[in-house]
Amino acid sequence: MSEAMLKMYISFAGMIFLILAIGLILLSRYKLNGWVRGIVSFLAYVFLILGSIIIFYIVFSGPTR
């Protein structure tokens, strides 16, 4: 597998993490209550941070040959 393809799959994982974070944040804000809301919200923000780090790495690592 080439480096470009590997970066593409890693960026897909980052985008999925960001989309999952959006869904979990909306779920925790509008549908859940109590301690479940806190756990889902925490997981959402973890996905948001991980997705952001992955996308940041992919964008600033530059083009591949």
N, C-alpha and C. Protein backbone atom coordinates (compact mmCIF):
# COMPACT_ATOMS: atom_id res chain seq x y z
N MET A 1 0.85 -1.17 0.00
CA MET A 1 0.00 0.00 0.00
C MET A 1 0.90 1.24 0.00
N SER A 2 0.57 2.17 -0.86
CA SER A 2 1.40 3.37 -0.97
C SER A 2 1.09 4.32 0.18
N GLU A 3 1.99 5.27 0.35
CA GLU A 3 1.84 6.25 1.42
C GLU A 3 0.60 7.12 1.20
N ALA A 4 0.31 7.44 -0.06
CA ALA A 4 -0.86 8.27 -0.36
C ALA A 4 -2.15 7.55 0.02
N MET A 5 -2.24 6.26 -0.29
CA MET A 5 -3.44 5.50 0.07
C MET A 5 -3.59 5.39 1.59
N LEU A 6 -2.48 5.20 2.27
CA LEU A 6 -2.52 5.11 3.72
C LEU A 6 -3.01 6.42 4.33
N LYS A 7 -2.53 7.55 3.80
CA LYS A 7 -2.99 8.85 4.29
C LYS A 7 -4.48 9.05 4.00
N MET A 8 -4.94 8.54 2.88
CA MET A 8 -6.36 8.67 2.55
C MET A 8 -7.21 7.91 3.56
N TYR A 9 -6.82 6.68 3.89
CA TYR A 9 -7.59 5.90 4.85
C TYR A 9 -7.53 6.52 6.25
N ILE A 10 -6.39 7.06 6.62
CA ILE A 10 -6.27 7.73 7.92
C ILE A 10 -7.16 8.96 7.96
N SER A 11 -7.22 9.71 6.85
CA SER A 11 -8.09 10.90 6.83
C SER A 11 -9.56 10.50 6.88
N PHE A 12 -9.93 9.37 6.27
CA PHE A 12 -11.30 8.88 6.39
C PHE A 12 -11.63 8.58 7.85
N ALA A 13 -10.70 7.98 8.57
CA ALA A 13 -10.92 7.70 9.99
C ALA A 13 -11.12 9.01 10.76
N GLY A 14 -10.32 10.02 10.45
CA GLY A 14 -10.48 11.32 11.10
C GLY A 14 -11.83 11.94 10.82
N MET A 15 -12.29 11.85 9.58
CA MET A 15 -13.60 12.41 9.23
C MET A 15 -14.72 11.65 9.92
N ILE A 16 -14.60 10.33 10.02
CA ILE A 16 -15.61 9.53 10.72
C ILE A 16 -15.64 9.90 12.19
N PHE A 17 -14.47 10.12 12.81
CA PHE A 17 -14.43 10.55 14.21
C PHE A 17 -15.13 11.89 14.39
N LEU A 18 -14.92 12.83 13.47
CA LEU A 18 -15.56 14.14 13.57
C LEU A 18 -17.08 14.04 13.40
N ILE A 19 -17.53 13.24 12.46
CA ILE A 19 -18.98 13.06 12.26
C ILE A 19 -19.60 12.37 13.47
N LEU A 20 -18.91 11.37 14.01
CA LEU A 20 -19.39 10.68 15.20
C LEU A 20 -19.46 11.64 16.39
N ALA A 21 -18.49 12.52 16.50
CA ALA A 21 -18.49 13.50 17.59
C ALA A 21 -19.69 14.43 17.48
N ILE A 22 -20.00 14.89 16.26
CA ILE A 22 -21.16 15.75 16.06
C ILE A 22 -22.44 15.04 16.51
N GLY A 23 -22.61 13.80 16.06
CA GLY A 23 -23.80 13.05 16.43
C GLY A 23 -23.91 12.81 17.93
N LEU A 24 -22.80 12.47 18.57
CA LEU A 24 -22.85 12.20 20.01
C LEU A 24 -23.08 13.47 20.81
N ILE A 25 -22.53 14.60 20.37
CA ILE A 25 -22.76 15.85 21.08
C ILE A 25 -24.24 16.24 20.99
N LEU A 26 -24.81 16.12 19.80
CA LEU A 26 -26.23 16.43 19.65
C LEU A 26 -27.10 15.48 20.47
N LEU A 27 -26.74 14.21 20.47
CA LEU A 27 -27.49 13.23 21.26
C LEU A 27 -27.43 13.56 22.74
N SER A 28 -26.24 13.88 23.24
CA SER A 28 -26.10 14.15 24.67
C SER A 28 -26.78 15.45 25.09
N ARG A 29 -26.83 16.43 24.19
CA ARG A 29 -27.45 17.70 24.56
C ARG A 29 -28.97 17.65 24.55
N TYR A 30 -29.55 16.93 23.61
CA TYR A 30 -31.00 17.02 23.42
C TYR A 30 -31.78 15.78 23.83
N LYS A 31 -31.16 14.64 23.97
CA LYS A 31 -31.92 13.42 24.23
C LYS A 31 -31.60 12.74 25.56
N LEU A 32 -30.43 12.97 26.12
CA LEU A 32 -30.02 12.21 27.30
C LEU A 32 -30.03 13.08 28.55
N ASN A 33 -30.12 12.42 29.69
CA ASN A 33 -30.08 13.09 30.99
C ASN A 33 -29.20 12.31 31.95
N GLY A 34 -28.75 12.97 32.98
CA GLY A 34 -28.03 12.31 34.06
C GLY A 34 -26.60 11.94 33.71
N TRP A 35 -26.14 10.85 34.31
CA TRP A 35 -24.75 10.46 34.16
C TRP A 35 -24.46 9.90 32.77
N VAL A 36 -25.49 9.37 32.10
CA VAL A 36 -25.31 8.88 30.73
C VAL A 36 -24.94 10.04 29.81
N ARG A 37 -25.58 11.19 30.06
CA ARG A 37 -25.27 12.39 29.27
C ARG A 37 -23.79 12.77 29.43
N GLY A 38 -23.28 12.69 30.63
CA GLY A 38 -21.88 13.03 30.88
C GLY A 38 -20.92 12.08 30.19
N ILE A 39 -21.22 10.79 30.22
CA ILE A 39 -20.35 9.80 29.59
C ILE A 39 -20.36 9.97 28.08
N VAL A 40 -21.55 10.13 27.48
CA VAL A 40 -21.64 10.29 26.02
C VAL A 40 -20.97 11.59 25.59
N SER A 41 -21.15 12.63 26.37
CA SER A 41 -20.52 13.91 26.06
C SER A 41 -18.99 13.80 26.13
N PHE A 42 -18.49 13.11 27.14
CA PHE A 42 -17.05 12.90 27.26
C PHE A 42 -16.50 12.13 26.06
N LEU A 43 -17.19 11.07 25.66
CA LEU A 43 -16.77 10.30 24.49
C LEU A 43 -16.80 11.15 23.22
N ALA A 44 -17.81 12.01 23.11
CA ALA A 44 -17.93 12.87 21.94
C ALA A 44 -16.74 13.82 21.86
N TYR A 45 -16.36 14.40 22.98
CA TYR A 45 -15.24 15.34 22.95
C TYR A 45 -13.91 14.62 22.74
N VAL A 46 -13.79 13.38 23.18
CA VAL A 46 -12.59 12.59 22.88
C VAL A 46 -12.50 12.33 21.38
N PHE A 47 -13.62 11.95 20.77
CA PHE A 47 -13.63 11.75 19.31
C PHE A 47 -13.32 13.04 18.57
N LEU A 48 -13.83 14.16 19.08
CA LEU A 48 -13.56 15.45 18.46
C LEU A 48 -12.08 15.78 18.50
N ILE A 49 -11.45 15.56 19.62
CA ILE A 49 -10.02 15.85 19.75
C ILE A 49 -9.19 14.91 18.87
N LEU A 50 -9.51 13.62 18.89
CA LEU A 50 -8.77 12.66 18.06
C LEU A 50 -8.93 12.95 16.57
N GLY A 51 -10.15 13.22 16.16
CA GLY A 51 -10.40 13.54 14.76
C GLY A 51 -9.68 14.80 14.32
N SER A 52 -9.66 15.80 15.19
CA SER A 52 -8.97 17.05 14.87
C SER A 52 -7.46 16.84 14.75
N ILE A 53 -6.90 16.05 15.63
CA ILE A 53 -5.46 15.77 15.57
C ILE A 53 -5.12 15.02 14.29
N ILE A 54 -5.94 14.04 13.93
CA ILE A 54 -5.68 13.27 12.71
C ILE A 54 -5.75 14.16 11.48
N ILE A 55 -6.79 14.98 11.36
CA ILE A 55 -6.92 15.85 10.20
C ILE A 55 -5.80 16.88 10.18
N PHE A 56 -5.43 17.42 11.34
CA PHE A 56 -4.32 18.37 11.42
C PHE A 56 -3.03 17.73 10.91
N TYR A 57 -2.78 16.49 11.32
CA TYR A 57 -1.57 15.79 10.88
C TYR A 57 -1.59 15.57 9.36
N ILE A 58 -2.70 15.13 8.82
CA ILE A 58 -2.79 14.84 7.39
C ILE A 58 -2.61 16.11 6.57
N VAL A 59 -3.24 17.19 7.00
CA VAL A 59 -3.15 18.43 6.23
C VAL A 59 -1.76 19.02 6.25
N PHE A 60 -1.12 19.02 7.40
CA PHE A 60 0.19 19.66 7.50
C PHE A 60 1.37 18.72 7.22
N SER A 61 1.10 17.46 6.92
CA SER A 61 2.21 16.58 6.56
C SER A 61 2.64 16.76 5.10
N GLY A 62 1.82 17.44 4.34
CA GLY A 62 2.19 17.78 2.97
C GLY A 62 1.83 16.71 1.97
N PRO A 63 2.10 17.01 0.70
CA PRO A 63 1.76 16.06 -0.36
C PRO A 63 2.69 14.85 -0.36
N THR A 64 2.24 13.79 -0.99
CA THR A 64 3.06 12.58 -1.13
C THR A 64 3.56 12.47 -2.56
N ARG A 65 4.55 11.65 -2.74
CA ARG A 65 5.13 11.45 -4.08
C ARG A 65 4.51 10.27 -4.76
